[in-house]
């Protein structure tokens, strides 16, 4: 569980629930505007024609889900390579 989450009994012996807390819509809009800006060729940090930087994505995701920056564990294999 992430910070601020609590397990709730849902009547199942081996399973609890964690309530969904919607993200502030303004945060999503701001993050999407940043992504859009990075895709504009005129932006100083434009990513057009460049490899996308993982740390940039991590920072963008963390703006919406702050726990992600702390809890994300990077693996050597990508999803296609995992067995």
Protein backbone atom coordinates (compact mmCIF):
# COMPACT_ATOMS: atom_id res chain seq x y z
CA UNK A 1 0.00 0.00 0.00
CA UNK A 2 1.11 3.52 -0.67
CA UNK A 3 1.17 6.36 1.82
CA UNK A 4 -2.35 7.47 2.70
CA UNK A 5 -3.96 4.19 1.66
CA UNK A 6 -5.76 1.88 4.06
CA UNK A 7 -7.00 -1.67 3.62
CA UNK A 8 -10.74 -2.16 4.00
CA UNK A 9 -12.61 -5.36 4.70
CA UNK A 10 -14.80 -6.40 1.77
CA UNK A 11 -16.01 -9.68 3.21
CA UNK A 12 -13.39 -11.95 1.64
CA UNK A 13 -11.17 -14.11 3.83
CA UNK A 14 -7.86 -13.43 2.10
CA UNK A 15 -8.46 -10.14 0.31
CA UNK A 16 -8.95 -6.54 1.38
CA UNK A 17 -9.75 -3.53 -0.78
CA UNK A 18 -7.95 -0.24 -1.20
CA UNK A 19 -10.29 2.58 -2.15
CA UNK A 20 -9.57 4.48 -5.33
CA UNK A 21 -8.90 8.17 -4.75
CA UNK A 22 -9.26 10.11 -8.00
CA UNK A 23 -6.39 12.30 -9.04
CA UNK A 24 -6.88 16.04 -9.25
CA UNK A 25 -7.89 16.72 -12.86
CA UNK A 26 -5.76 19.88 -12.91
CA UNK A 27 -2.63 17.80 -12.25
CA UNK A 28 -3.43 15.53 -15.19
CA UNK A 29 -4.02 18.52 -17.46
CA UNK A 30 -0.72 20.10 -16.39
CA UNK A 31 1.20 16.87 -16.97
CA UNK A 32 -0.34 16.39 -20.42
CA UNK A 33 0.52 19.97 -21.32
CA UNK A 34 4.14 19.26 -20.37
CA UNK A 35 4.15 16.12 -22.54
CA UNK A 36 2.65 18.11 -25.41
CA UNK A 37 5.34 20.79 -24.99
CA UNK A 38 8.10 18.16 -25.12
CA UNK A 39 6.69 16.97 -28.43
CA UNK A 40 6.80 20.46 -29.98
CA UNK A 41 9.91 20.83 -32.14
CA UNK A 42 10.32 24.43 -30.98
CA UNK A 43 10.48 23.54 -27.26
CA UNK A 44 14.04 23.77 -25.84
CA UNK A 45 13.76 20.25 -24.39
CA UNK A 46 11.93 18.79 -27.39
CA UNK A 47 12.19 15.03 -27.76
CA UNK A 48 11.36 14.87 -31.46
CA UNK A 49 13.93 12.63 -33.13
CA UNK A 50 15.62 11.81 -29.79
CA UNK A 51 15.46 8.83 -27.48
CA UNK A 52 12.99 9.50 -24.71
CA UNK A 53 14.55 9.87 -21.30
CA UNK A 54 13.21 7.56 -18.56
CA UNK A 55 13.87 10.10 -15.84
CA UNK A 56 11.69 12.64 -17.68
CA UNK A 57 8.80 10.17 -17.72
CA UNK A 58 9.38 9.31 -14.07
CA UNK A 59 9.17 12.98 -13.09
CA UNK A 60 5.99 13.49 -15.13
CA UNK A 61 4.29 10.45 -13.60
CA UNK A 62 5.37 11.51 -10.10
CA UNK A 63 3.53 14.81 -10.52
CA UNK A 64 0.29 12.83 -10.60
CA UNK A 65 1.36 9.95 -8.36
CA UNK A 66 4.07 11.23 -5.98
CA UNK A 67 4.63 7.78 -4.47
CA UNK A 68 5.84 6.56 -7.88
CA UNK A 69 9.10 8.51 -7.61
CA UNK A 70 9.90 6.77 -4.33
CA UNK A 71 8.58 3.29 -4.97
CA UNK A 72 9.40 2.65 -8.64
CA UNK A 73 12.13 0.06 -9.08
CA UNK A 74 13.78 0.03 -12.45
CA UNK A 75 14.58 -3.39 -13.86
CA UNK A 76 17.19 -4.35 -16.40
CA UNK A 77 14.67 -6.19 -18.57
CA UNK A 78 11.71 -4.53 -20.24
CA UNK A 79 8.22 -6.05 -20.23
CA UNK A 80 8.81 -7.91 -23.51
CA UNK A 81 11.96 -9.55 -22.14
CA UNK A 82 10.50 -10.74 -18.83
CA UNK A 83 9.49 -14.37 -18.64
